[in-house]
Amino acid sequence: QSNVEGELINKLHEVGFSPASAEASAGRYDGI
C-alpha cells in the first residue's frame, strides 16, 4: 500500500516483469 503515485508505479514495474528480462512474456507474479 502507498499513498504516493510514483511508489505504486514503481511497484507495478517491479512485480509486472520477470526478473530475468523486461522482455519476458510473464511477470514475477501470476496476478496483480
PDB file of all heavy atoms in Angstrom:
ATOM      1  N   GLN A   1       0.852  -1.188   0.000  1.00  0.00           N
ATOM      2  CA  GLN A   1       0.000   0.000   0.000  1.00  0.00           C
ATOM      3  C   GLN A   1       0.881   1.229   0.000  1.00  0.00           C
ATOM      4  O   GLN A   1       1.912   1.282   0.675  1.00  0.00           O
ATOM      5  CB  GLN A   1      -0.903   0.017   1.241  1.00  0.00           C
ATOM      6  CG  GLN A   1      -1.972   1.109   1.246  1.00  0.00           C
ATOM      7  CD  GLN A   1      -1.482   2.483   1.690  1.00  0.00           C
ATOM      8  OE1 GLN A   1      -0.612   2.607   2.530  1.00  0.00           O
ATOM      9  NE2 GLN A   1      -2.052   3.527   1.105  1.00  0.00           N
ATOM     10  N   SER A   2       0.467   2.230  -0.772  1.00  0.00           N
ATOM     11  CA  SER A   2       1.147   3.519  -0.751  1.00  0.00           C
ATOM     12  C   SER A   2       0.157   4.618  -1.087  1.00  0.00           C
ATOM     13  O   SER A   2      -0.764   4.422  -1.885  1.00  0.00           O
ATOM     14  CB  SER A   2       2.307   3.548  -1.751  1.00  0.00           C
ATOM     15  OG  SER A   2       2.941   4.818  -1.708  1.00  0.00           O
ATOM     16  N   ASN A   3       0.395   5.760  -0.481  1.00  0.00           N
ATOM     17  CA  ASN A   3      -0.373   6.959  -0.810  1.00  0.00           C
ATOM     18  C   ASN A   3       0.312   7.762  -1.909  1.00  0.00           C
ATOM     19  O   ASN A   3      -0.203   8.792  -2.329  1.00  0.00           O
ATOM     20  CB  ASN A   3      -0.533   7.834   0.438  1.00  0.00           C
ATOM     21  CG  ASN A   3      -1.364   7.156   1.504  1.00  0.00           C
ATOM     22  OD1 ASN A   3      -2.387   6.551   1.205  1.00  0.00           O
ATOM     23  ND2 ASN A   3      -0.919   7.231   2.737  1.00  0.00           N
ATOM     24  N   VAL A   4       1.453   7.273  -2.377  1.00  0.00           N
ATOM     25  CA  VAL A   4       2.291   8.006  -3.321  1.00  0.00           C
ATOM     26  C   VAL A   4       2.210   7.362  -4.706  1.00  0.00           C
ATOM     27  O   VAL A   4       2.549   6.183  -4.880  1.00  0.00           O
ATOM     28  CB  VAL A   4       3.758   8.027  -2.831  1.00  0.00           C
ATOM     29  CG1 VAL A   4       4.646   8.785  -3.800  1.00  0.00           C
ATOM     30  CG2 VAL A   4       3.845   8.628  -1.428  1.00  0.00           C
ATOM     31  N   GLU A   5       1.779   8.125  -5.672  1.00  0.00           N
ATOM     32  CA  GLU A   5       1.582   7.632  -7.029  1.00  0.00           C
ATOM     33  C   GLU A   5       2.833   6.967  -7.602  1.00  0.00           C
ATOM     34  O   GLU A   5       2.775   5.873  -8.163  1.00  0.00           O
ATOM     35  CB  GLU A   5       1.143   8.801  -7.913  1.00  0.00           C
ATOM     36  CG  GLU A   5       0.859   8.458  -9.339  1.00  0.00           C
ATOM     37  CD  GLU A   5       0.430   9.686 -10.128  1.00  0.00           C
ATOM     38  OE1 GLU A   5       0.852  10.820  -9.797  1.00  0.00           O
ATOM     39  OE2 GLU A   5      -0.324   9.502 -11.096  1.00  0.00           O
ATOM     40  N   GLY A   6       3.969   7.606  -7.464  1.00  0.00           N
ATOM     41  CA  GLY A   6       5.211   7.060  -8.020  1.00  0.00           C
ATOM     42  C   GLY A   6       5.602   5.740  -7.391  1.00  0.00           C
ATOM     43  O   GLY A   6       6.148   4.861  -8.069  1.00  0.00           O
ATOM     44  N   GLU A   7       5.333   5.562  -6.108  1.00  0.00           N
ATOM     45  CA  GLU A   7       5.635   4.291  -5.442  1.00  0.00           C
ATOM     46  C   GLU A   7       4.753   3.175  -5.991  1.00  0.00           C
ATOM     47  O   GLU A   7       5.206   2.039  -6.140  1.00  0.00           O
ATOM     48  CB  GLU A   7       5.477   4.415  -3.932  1.00  0.00           C
ATOM     49  CG  GLU A   7       6.543   5.281  -3.290  1.00  0.00           C
ATOM     50  CD  GLU A   7       6.358   5.472  -1.796  1.00  0.00           C
ATOM     51  OE1 GLU A   7       5.413   4.882  -1.209  1.00  0.00           O
ATOM     52  OE2 GLU A   7       7.167   6.212  -1.208  1.00  0.00           O
ATOM     53  N   LEU A   8       3.504   3.488  -6.295  1.00  0.00           N
ATOM     54  CA  LEU A   8       2.604   2.491  -6.892  1.00  0.00           C
ATOM     55  C   LEU A   8       3.100   2.095  -8.277  1.00  0.00           C
ATOM     56  O   LEU A   8       3.102   0.907  -8.631  1.00  0.00           O
ATOM     57  CB  LEU A   8       1.173   3.036  -6.963  1.00  0.00           C
ATOM     58  CG  LEU A   8       0.514   3.327  -5.626  1.00  0.00           C
ATOM     59  CD1 LEU A   8      -0.773   4.112  -5.821  1.00  0.00           C
ATOM     60  CD2 LEU A   8       0.259   2.049  -4.849  1.00  0.00           C
ATOM     61  N   ILE A   9       3.527   3.077  -9.050  1.00  0.00           N
ATOM     62  CA  ILE A   9       4.060   2.803 -10.389  1.00  0.00           C
ATOM     63  C   ILE A   9       5.324   1.953 -10.293  1.00  0.00           C
ATOM     64  O   ILE A   9       5.473   0.960 -11.017  1.00  0.00           O
ATOM     65  CB  ILE A   9       4.320   4.119 -11.147  1.00  0.00           C
ATOM     66  CG1 ILE A   9       2.979   4.813 -11.451  1.00  0.00           C
ATOM     67  CG2 ILE A   9       5.126   3.881 -12.432  1.00  0.00           C
ATOM     68  CD1 ILE A   9       3.112   6.250 -11.898  1.00  0.00           C
ATOM     69  N   ASN A  10       6.217   2.307  -9.385  1.00  0.00           N
ATOM     70  CA  ASN A  10       7.444   1.522  -9.206  1.00  0.00           C
ATOM     71  C   ASN A  10       7.131   0.082  -8.815  1.00  0.00           C
ATOM     72  O   ASN A  10       7.770  -0.854  -9.313  1.00  0.00           O
ATOM     73  CB  ASN A  10       8.355   2.162  -8.154  1.00  0.00           C
ATOM     74  CG  ASN A  10       9.018   3.418  -8.654  1.00  0.00           C
ATOM     75  OD1 ASN A  10       9.096   3.672  -9.854  1.00  0.00           O
ATOM     76  ND2 ASN A  10       9.501   4.231  -7.731  1.00  0.00           N
ATOM     77  N   LYS A  11       6.145  -0.120  -7.945  1.00  0.00           N
ATOM     78  CA  LYS A  11       5.785  -1.480  -7.526  1.00  0.00           C
ATOM     79  C   LYS A  11       5.210  -2.262  -8.699  1.00  0.00           C
ATOM     80  O   LYS A  11       5.536  -3.433  -8.887  1.00  0.00           O
ATOM     81  CB  LYS A  11       4.795  -1.436  -6.358  1.00  0.00           C
ATOM     82  CG  LYS A  11       4.400  -2.789  -5.821  1.00  0.00           C
ATOM     83  CD  LYS A  11       5.581  -3.639  -5.390  1.00  0.00           C
ATOM     84  CE  LYS A  11       6.056  -3.334  -4.008  1.00  0.00           C
ATOM     85  NZ  LYS A  11       7.083  -4.325  -3.537  1.00  0.00           N
ATOM     86  N   LEU A  12       4.367  -1.638  -9.514  1.00  0.00           N
ATOM     87  CA  LEU A  12       3.834  -2.311 -10.700  1.00  0.00           C
ATOM     88  C   LEU A  12       4.958  -2.726 -11.641  1.00  0.00           C
ATOM     89  O   LEU A  12       4.959  -3.843 -12.154  1.00  0.00           O
ATOM     90  CB  LEU A  12       2.830  -1.419 -11.432  1.00  0.00           C
ATOM     91  CG  LEU A  12       1.463  -1.288 -10.773  1.00  0.00           C
ATOM     92  CD1 LEU A  12       0.684  -0.110 -11.355  1.00  0.00           C
ATOM     93  CD2 LEU A  12       0.672  -2.582 -10.893  1.00  0.00           C
ATOM     94  N   HIS A  13       5.925  -1.852 -11.844  1.00  0.00           N
ATOM     95  CA  HIS A  13       7.067  -2.196 -12.696  1.00  0.00           C
ATOM     96  C   HIS A  13       7.854  -3.356 -12.091  1.00  0.00           C
ATOM     97  O   HIS A  13       8.262  -4.274 -12.811  1.00  0.00           O
ATOM     98  CB  HIS A  13       7.996  -1.000 -12.868  1.00  0.00           C
ATOM     99  CG  HIS A  13       7.426   0.097 -13.698  1.00  0.00           C
ATOM    100  ND1 HIS A  13       8.084   1.286 -13.877  1.00  0.00           N
ATOM    101  CD2 HIS A  13       6.271   0.209 -14.390  1.00  0.00           C
ATOM    102  CE1 HIS A  13       7.357   2.080 -14.650  1.00  0.00           C
ATOM    103  NE2 HIS A  13       6.248   1.445 -14.966  1.00  0.00           N
ATOM    104  N   GLU A  14       8.067  -3.312 -10.791  1.00  0.00           N
ATOM    105  CA  GLU A  14       8.844  -4.346 -10.097  1.00  0.00           C
ATOM    106  C   GLU A  14       8.199  -5.719 -10.222  1.00  0.00           C
ATOM    107  O   GLU A  14       8.873  -6.709 -10.480  1.00  0.00           O
ATOM    108  CB  GLU A  14       8.981  -3.972  -8.624  1.00  0.00           C
ATOM    109  CG  GLU A  14       9.663  -5.006  -7.765  1.00  0.00           C
ATOM    110  CD  GLU A  14       9.566  -4.685  -6.288  1.00  0.00           C
ATOM    111  OE1 GLU A  14       9.518  -3.491  -5.925  1.00  0.00           O
ATOM    112  OE2 GLU A  14       9.506  -5.639  -5.492  1.00  0.00           O
ATOM    113  N   VAL A  15       6.894  -5.791 -10.016  1.00  0.00           N
ATOM    114  CA  VAL A  15       6.224  -7.106  -9.979  1.00  0.00           C
ATOM    115  C   VAL A  15       5.651  -7.525 -11.325  1.00  0.00           C
ATOM    116  O   VAL A  15       5.304  -8.682 -11.505  1.00  0.00           O
ATOM    117  CB  VAL A  15       5.114  -7.157  -8.896  1.00  0.00           C
ATOM    118  CG1 VAL A  15       5.680  -6.823  -7.539  1.00  0.00           C
ATOM    119  CG2 VAL A  15       3.944  -6.253  -9.232  1.00  0.00           C
ATOM    120  N   GLY A  16       5.582  -6.603 -12.275  1.00  0.00           N
ATOM    121  CA  GLY A  16       4.932  -6.889 -13.541  1.00  0.00           C
ATOM    122  C   GLY A  16       5.809  -7.464 -14.626  1.00  0.00           C
ATOM    123  O   GLY A  16       5.326  -7.796 -15.702  1.00  0.00           O
ATOM    124  N   PHE A  17       7.106  -7.575 -14.335  1.00  0.00           N
ATOM    125  CA  PHE A  17       8.031  -8.144 -15.300  1.00  0.00           C
ATOM    126  C   PHE A  17       8.819  -9.260 -14.650  1.00  0.00           C
ATOM    127  O   PHE A  17       9.077  -9.246 -13.452  1.00  0.00           O
ATOM    128  CB  PHE A  17       9.020  -7.094 -15.823  1.00  0.00           C
ATOM    129  CG  PHE A  17       8.408  -6.082 -16.737  1.00  0.00           C
ATOM    130  CD1 PHE A  17       8.219  -4.785 -16.303  1.00  0.00           C
ATOM    131  CD2 PHE A  17       8.038  -6.413 -18.028  1.00  0.00           C
ATOM    132  CE1 PHE A  17       7.665  -3.831 -17.142  1.00  0.00           C
ATOM    133  CE2 PHE A  17       7.491  -5.470 -18.877  1.00  0.00           C
ATOM    134  CZ  PHE A  17       7.293  -4.177 -18.434  1.00  0.00           C
ATOM    135  N   SER A  18       9.270 -10.203 -15.439  1.00  0.00           N
ATOM    136  CA  SER A  18      10.151 -11.261 -14.967  1.00  0.00           C
ATOM    137  C   SER A  18      11.471 -10.638 -14.515  1.00  0.00           C
ATOM    138  O   SER A  18      11.963  -9.710 -15.157  1.00  0.00           O
ATOM    139  CB  SER A  18      10.407 -12.259 -16.094  1.00  0.00           C
ATOM    140  OG  SER A  18      11.456 -13.105 -15.757  1.00  0.00           O
ATOM    141  N   PRO A  19      12.063 -11.128 -13.440  1.00  0.00           N
ATOM    142  CA  PRO A  19      13.339 -10.556 -13.007  1.00  0.00           C
ATOM    143  C   PRO A  19      14.461 -10.760 -14.026  1.00  0.00           C
ATOM    144  O   PRO A  19      15.413 -10.007 -14.039  1.00  0.00           O
ATOM    145  CB  PRO A  19      13.650 -11.294 -11.702  1.00  0.00           C
ATOM    146  CG  PRO A  19      12.772 -12.477 -11.680  1.00  0.00           C
ATOM    147  CD  PRO A  19      11.606 -12.192 -12.578  1.00  0.00           C
ATOM    148  N   ALA A  20      14.321 -11.743 -14.884  1.00  0.00           N
ATOM    149  CA  ALA A  20      15.370 -12.029 -15.869  1.00  0.00           C
ATOM    150  C   ALA A  20      15.398 -10.990 -16.984  1.00  0.00           C
ATOM    151  O   ALA A  20      16.453 -10.647 -17.488  1.00  0.00           O
ATOM    152  CB  ALA A  20      15.178 -13.422 -16.456  1.00  0.00           C
ATOM    153  N   SER A  21      14.218 -10.498 -17.367  1.00  0.00           N
ATOM    154  CA  SER A  21      14.188  -9.605 -18.519  1.00  0.00           C
ATOM    155  C   SER A  21      12.862  -8.869 -18.585  1.00  0.00           C
ATOM    156  O   SER A  21      11.809  -9.449 -18.383  1.00  0.00           O
ATOM    157  CB  SER A  21      14.371 -10.418 -19.795  1.00  0.00           C
ATOM    158  OG  SER A  21      14.005  -9.656 -20.910  1.00  0.00           O
ATOM    159  N   ALA A  22      12.941  -7.608 -18.926  1.00  0.00           N
ATOM    160  CA  ALA A  22      11.722  -6.820 -19.136  1.00  0.00           C
ATOM    161  C   ALA A  22      10.988  -7.284 -20.388  1.00  0.00           C
ATOM    162  O   ALA A  22       9.844  -6.932 -20.603  1.00  0.00           O
ATOM    163  CB  ALA A  22      12.063  -5.338 -19.247  1.00  0.00           C
ATOM    164  N   GLU A  23      11.643  -8.072 -21.207  1.00  0.00           N
ATOM    165  CA  GLU A  23      11.033  -8.572 -22.434  1.00  0.00           C
ATOM    166  C   GLU A  23      10.314  -9.909 -22.227  1.00  0.00           C
ATOM    167  O   GLU A  23       9.698 -10.427 -23.139  1.00  0.00           O
ATOM    168  CB  GLU A  23      12.093  -8.741 -23.518  1.00  0.00           C
ATOM    169  CG  GLU A  23      12.800  -7.441 -23.872  1.00  0.00           C
ATOM    170  CD  GLU A  23      11.845  -6.370 -24.356  1.00  0.00           C
ATOM    171  OE1 GLU A  23      10.945  -6.684 -25.150  1.00  0.00           O
ATOM    172  OE2 GLU A  23      12.001  -5.217 -23.928  1.00  0.00           O
ATOM    173  N   ALA A  24      10.426 -10.468 -21.040  1.00  0.00           N
ATOM    174  CA  ALA A  24       9.811 -11.772 -20.775  1.00  0.00           C
ATOM    175  C   ALA A  24       8.301 -11.698 -20.976  1.00  0.00           C
ATOM    176  O   ALA A  24       7.692 -10.650 -20.810  1.00  0.00           O
ATOM    177  CB  ALA A  24      10.141 -12.230 -19.363  1.00  0.00           C
ATOM    178  N   SER A  25       7.719 -12.824 -21.295  1.00  0.00           N
ATOM    179  CA  SER A  25       6.287 -12.839 -21.594  1.00  0.00           C
ATOM    180  C   SER A  25       5.421 -12.829 -20.341  1.00  0.00           C
ATOM    181  O   SER A  25       4.237 -12.579 -20.415  1.00  0.00           O
ATOM    182  CB  SER A  25       5.948 -14.064 -22.437  1.00  0.00           C
ATOM    183  OG  SER A  25       6.243 -15.243 -21.710  1.00  0.00           O
ATOM    184  N   ALA A  26       6.003 -13.105 -19.193  1.00  0.00           N
ATOM    185  CA  ALA A  26       5.228 -13.105 -17.952  1.00  0.00           C
ATOM    186  C   ALA A  26       6.005 -12.397 -16.860  1.00  0.00           C
ATOM    187  O   ALA A  26       7.218 -12.249 -16.935  1.00  0.00           O
ATOM    188  CB  ALA A  26       4.920 -14.542 -17.529  1.00  0.00           C
ATOM    189  N   GLY A  27       5.283 -11.972 -15.835  1.00  0.00           N
ATOM    190  CA  GLY A  27       5.911 -11.250 -14.740  1.00  0.00           C
ATOM    191  C   GLY A  27       6.338 -12.149 -13.605  1.00  0.00           C
ATOM    192  O   GLY A  27       6.234 -13.371 -13.677  1.00  0.00           O
ATOM    193  N   ARG A  28       6.827 -11.532 -12.560  1.00  0.00           N
ATOM    194  CA  ARG A  28       7.265 -12.239 -11.362  1.00  0.00           C
ATOM    195  C   ARG A  28       6.082 -12.814 -10.599  1.00  0.00           C
ATOM    196  O   ARG A  28       6.249 -13.679  -9.769  1.00  0.00           O
ATOM    197  CB  ARG A  28       8.004 -11.281 -10.438  1.00  0.00           C
ATOM    198  CG  ARG A  28       9.318 -10.803 -10.966  1.00  0.00           C
ATOM    199  CD  ARG A  28       9.982  -9.848 -10.013  1.00  0.00           C
ATOM    200  NE  ARG A  28      10.038 -10.396  -8.678  1.00  0.00           N
ATOM    201  CZ  ARG A  28      10.217  -9.690  -7.579  1.00  0.00           C
ATOM    202  NH1 ARG A  28      10.341  -8.386  -7.642  1.00  0.00           N
ATOM    203  NH2 ARG A  28      10.257 -10.259  -6.394  1.00  0.00           N
ATOM    204  N   TYR A  29       4.906 -12.299 -10.867  1.00  0.00           N
ATOM    205  CA  TYR A  29       3.689 -12.715 -10.173  1.00  0.00           C
ATOM    206  C   TYR A  29       2.707 -13.267 -11.196  1.00  0.00           C
ATOM    207  O   TYR A  29       2.730 -12.881 -12.361  1.00  0.00           O
ATOM    208  CB  TYR A  29       3.063 -11.520  -9.433  1.00  0.00           C
ATOM    209  CG  TYR A  29       3.878 -11.093  -8.227  1.00  0.00           C
ATOM    210  CD1 TYR A  29       5.098 -10.465  -8.374  1.00  0.00           C
ATOM    211  CD2 TYR A  29       3.419 -11.356  -6.942  1.00  0.00           C
ATOM    212  CE1 TYR A  29       5.857 -10.092  -7.277  1.00  0.00           C
ATOM    213  CE2 TYR A  29       4.171 -10.977  -5.840  1.00  0.00           C
ATOM    214  CZ  TYR A  29       5.383 -10.348  -6.013  1.00  0.00           C
ATOM    215  OH  TYR A  29       6.123  -9.992  -4.927  1.00  0.00           O
ATOM    216  N   ASP A  30       1.825 -14.121 -10.712  1.00  0.00           N
ATOM    217  CA  ASP A  30       0.794 -14.669 -11.602  1.00  0.00           C
ATOM    218  C   ASP A  30      -0.385 -13.721 -11.741  1.00  0.00           C
ATOM    219  O   ASP A  30      -1.169 -13.846 -12.678  1.00  0.00           O
ATOM    220  CB  ASP A  30       0.316 -16.019 -11.056  1.00  0.00           C
ATOM    221  CG  ASP A  30       1.454 -17.017 -11.001  1.00  0.00           C
ATOM    222  OD1 ASP A  30       1.957 -17.382 -12.079  1.00  0.00           O
ATOM    223  OD2 ASP A  30       1.851 -17.415  -9.893  1.00  0.00           O
ATOM    224  N   GLY A  31      -0.518 -12.810 -10.809  1.00  0.00           N
ATOM    225  CA  GLY A  31      -1.613 -11.861 -10.871  1.00  0.00           C
ATOM    226  C   GLY A  31      -1.393 -10.681  -9.960  1.00  0.00           C
ATOM    227  O   GLY A  31      -0.713 -10.778  -8.935  1.00  0.00           O
ATOM    228  N   ILE A  32      -1.979  -9.563 -10.362  1.00  0.00           N
ATOM    229  CA  ILE A  32      -1.956  -8.342  -9.566  1.00  0.00           C
ATOM    230  C   ILE A  32      -3.393  -7.903  -9.376  1.00  0.00           C
ATOM    231  O   ILE A  32      -4.168  -7.830 -10.334  1.00  0.00           O
ATOM    232  CB  ILE A  32      -1.168  -7.220 -10.275  1.00  0.00           C
ATOM    233  CG1 ILE A  32       0.292  -7.631 -10.477  1.00  0.00           C
ATOM    234  CG2 ILE A  32      -1.272  -5.905  -9.491  1.00  0.00           C
ATOM    235  CD1 ILE A  32       1.082  -6.688 -11.382  1.00  0.00           C
TER     236      ILE A  32
END
